[in-house]
Protein backbone atom coordinates (compact mmCIF):
# COMPACT_ATOMS: atom_id res chain seq x y z
CA ALA A 1 104.68 116.58 76.24
CA THR A 2 102.70 113.38 75.82
CA SER A 3 105.71 111.54 74.38
CA ALA A 4 108.05 112.17 77.33
CA PRO A 5 109.10 109.06 79.32
CA GLU A 6 107.30 110.28 82.46
CA ALA A 7 104.10 111.26 80.61
CA ASP A 8 100.89 109.27 81.07
CA PRO A 9 98.76 110.46 78.13
CA THR A 10 96.02 107.88 78.77
CA ALA A 11 95.84 108.58 82.54
CA SER A 12 96.09 104.83 83.18
CA GLY A 13 98.66 105.09 85.97
CA LEU A 14 101.51 103.77 83.79
CA ASN A 15 103.81 106.33 82.23
CA ASN A 16 105.43 105.89 78.81
CA LEU A 17 108.67 104.49 80.29
CA LEU A 18 106.79 101.73 82.12
CA ARG A 19 104.64 100.97 79.05
CA TYR A 20 107.84 100.54 77.02
CA ALA A 21 109.51 98.44 79.74
CA PHE A 22 106.55 96.10 80.09
CA GLY A 23 105.94 95.77 76.34
CA LEU A 24 102.67 97.71 76.27
CA THR A 25 101.34 100.15 73.70
CA PRO A 26 99.41 103.31 74.60
CA GLN A 27 96.20 101.45 73.74
CA THR A 28 97.01 98.29 75.73
CA SER A 29 95.40 97.71 79.11
CA PRO A 30 97.97 97.90 81.92
CA LEU A 31 96.73 94.57 83.35
CA PRO A 32 99.37 92.42 81.57
CA ALA A 33 102.02 94.42 83.44
CA THR A 34 100.59 93.49 86.83
CA PRO A 35 103.15 91.45 88.80
CA ILE A 36 102.07 88.07 90.15
CA VAL A 37 103.22 87.06 93.64
CA THR A 38 103.08 83.45 94.85
CA ILE A 39 104.51 81.52 97.79
CA HIS A 40 106.63 78.44 97.13
CA ASN A 41 108.63 76.49 99.76
CA GLN A 42 109.24 79.38 102.18
CA SER A 43 110.04 81.75 99.30
CA LEU A 44 108.12 84.49 97.60
CA ARG A 45 108.05 84.45 93.83
CA LEU A 46 107.47 87.64 91.89
CA ASP A 47 106.70 87.13 88.19
CA VAL A 48 106.84 90.15 85.88
CA ARG A 49 106.20 90.31 82.14
CA ARG A 50 108.61 92.70 80.43
CA ARG A 51 109.93 93.61 77.00
CA GLN A 52 112.70 91.26 75.80
CA GLN A 53 116.26 92.47 75.24
CA THR A 54 115.92 95.83 76.93
CA VAL A 55 119.60 96.69 77.06
CA ASP A 56 118.66 100.34 77.63
CA LEU A 57 116.74 99.61 80.87
CA ASP A 58 117.47 98.31 84.36
CA PHE A 59 114.79 96.37 86.24
CA ILE A 60 115.51 96.56 89.96
CA LEU A 61 113.55 94.57 92.52
CA GLU A 62 113.32 96.44 95.80
CA THR A 63 111.99 95.09 99.09
CA SER A 64 110.65 96.77 102.21
CA THR A 65 109.06 95.84 105.50
CA ASN A 66 107.56 99.29 106.16
CA PHE A 67 107.08 101.19 102.85
CA ALA A 68 109.58 103.81 104.10
CA THR A 69 112.91 102.10 103.46
CA TRP A 70 113.47 100.23 100.19
CA THR A 71 116.45 97.96 99.62
CA PRO A 72 117.57 96.60 96.23
CA SER A 73 117.40 92.81 96.17
CA PRO A 74 120.62 91.04 95.14
CA THR A 75 118.49 88.38 93.44
CA THR A 76 118.78 88.16 89.64
CA PRO A 77 115.55 87.29 87.86
CA ALA A 78 115.32 84.13 85.76
CA VAL A 79 113.49 84.07 82.45
CA ILE A 80 110.67 81.53 82.84
CA ALA A 81 108.77 82.16 79.58
CA THR A 82 109.14 83.96 76.28
CA HIS A 83 106.12 85.21 74.37
CA THR A 84 105.46 85.81 70.67
CA ASP A 85 104.67 89.49 71.27
CA GLY A 86 108.30 90.33 72.10
CA THR A 87 107.92 90.04 75.86
CA GLU A 88 109.24 87.59 78.42
CA THR A 89 108.21 86.64 81.92
CA VAL A 90 110.94 86.83 84.54
CA ARG A 91 110.86 85.55 88.10
CA TRP A 92 112.56 86.80 91.21
CA GLU A 93 112.56 84.31 94.08
CA ILE A 94 113.16 85.77 97.52
CA PRO A 95 113.31 83.95 100.86
CA ALA A 96 110.30 84.88 103.02
CA THR A 97 112.10 86.29 106.08
CA GLU A 98 109.69 88.85 107.54
CA ASN A 99 106.07 88.82 108.65
CA ALA A 100 105.33 91.67 106.25
CA GLN A 101 107.27 92.05 103.03
CA TYR A 102 106.56 94.48 100.22
CA PHE A 103 108.02 94.56 96.72
CA ARG A 104 108.32 96.98 93.88
CA VAL A 105 110.07 96.82 90.54
CA ARG A 106 111.85 100.03 89.70
CA VAL A 107 112.62 100.66 86.05
CA ARG A 108 115.30 103.12 85.06
CA THR A 109 117.06 104.03 81.85
CA GLN A 110 120.76 103.36 81.58
């Protein structure tokens, strides 16, 4: 069904669960949901725009050095901006400890 959480009726690469989590509609381009990574004082910052007050979702930052093993980060994101469209931008700040570090944000329902 096109309304199921795992469905991607627009074939954009973002399923319905992720569109909901990141505050997007089916017609919205997925570009606003693209995380932004910057380096600041020996730390990596990952900024993600997400729907505000999503008590029904968990946003879990996971890190890897090899794409095979993913580890949940103990870092709690800080809200750095709120937007008039019902979304907020949160930031995870992680010490840069490896030569190669990869990140992903996993979204799951509670």
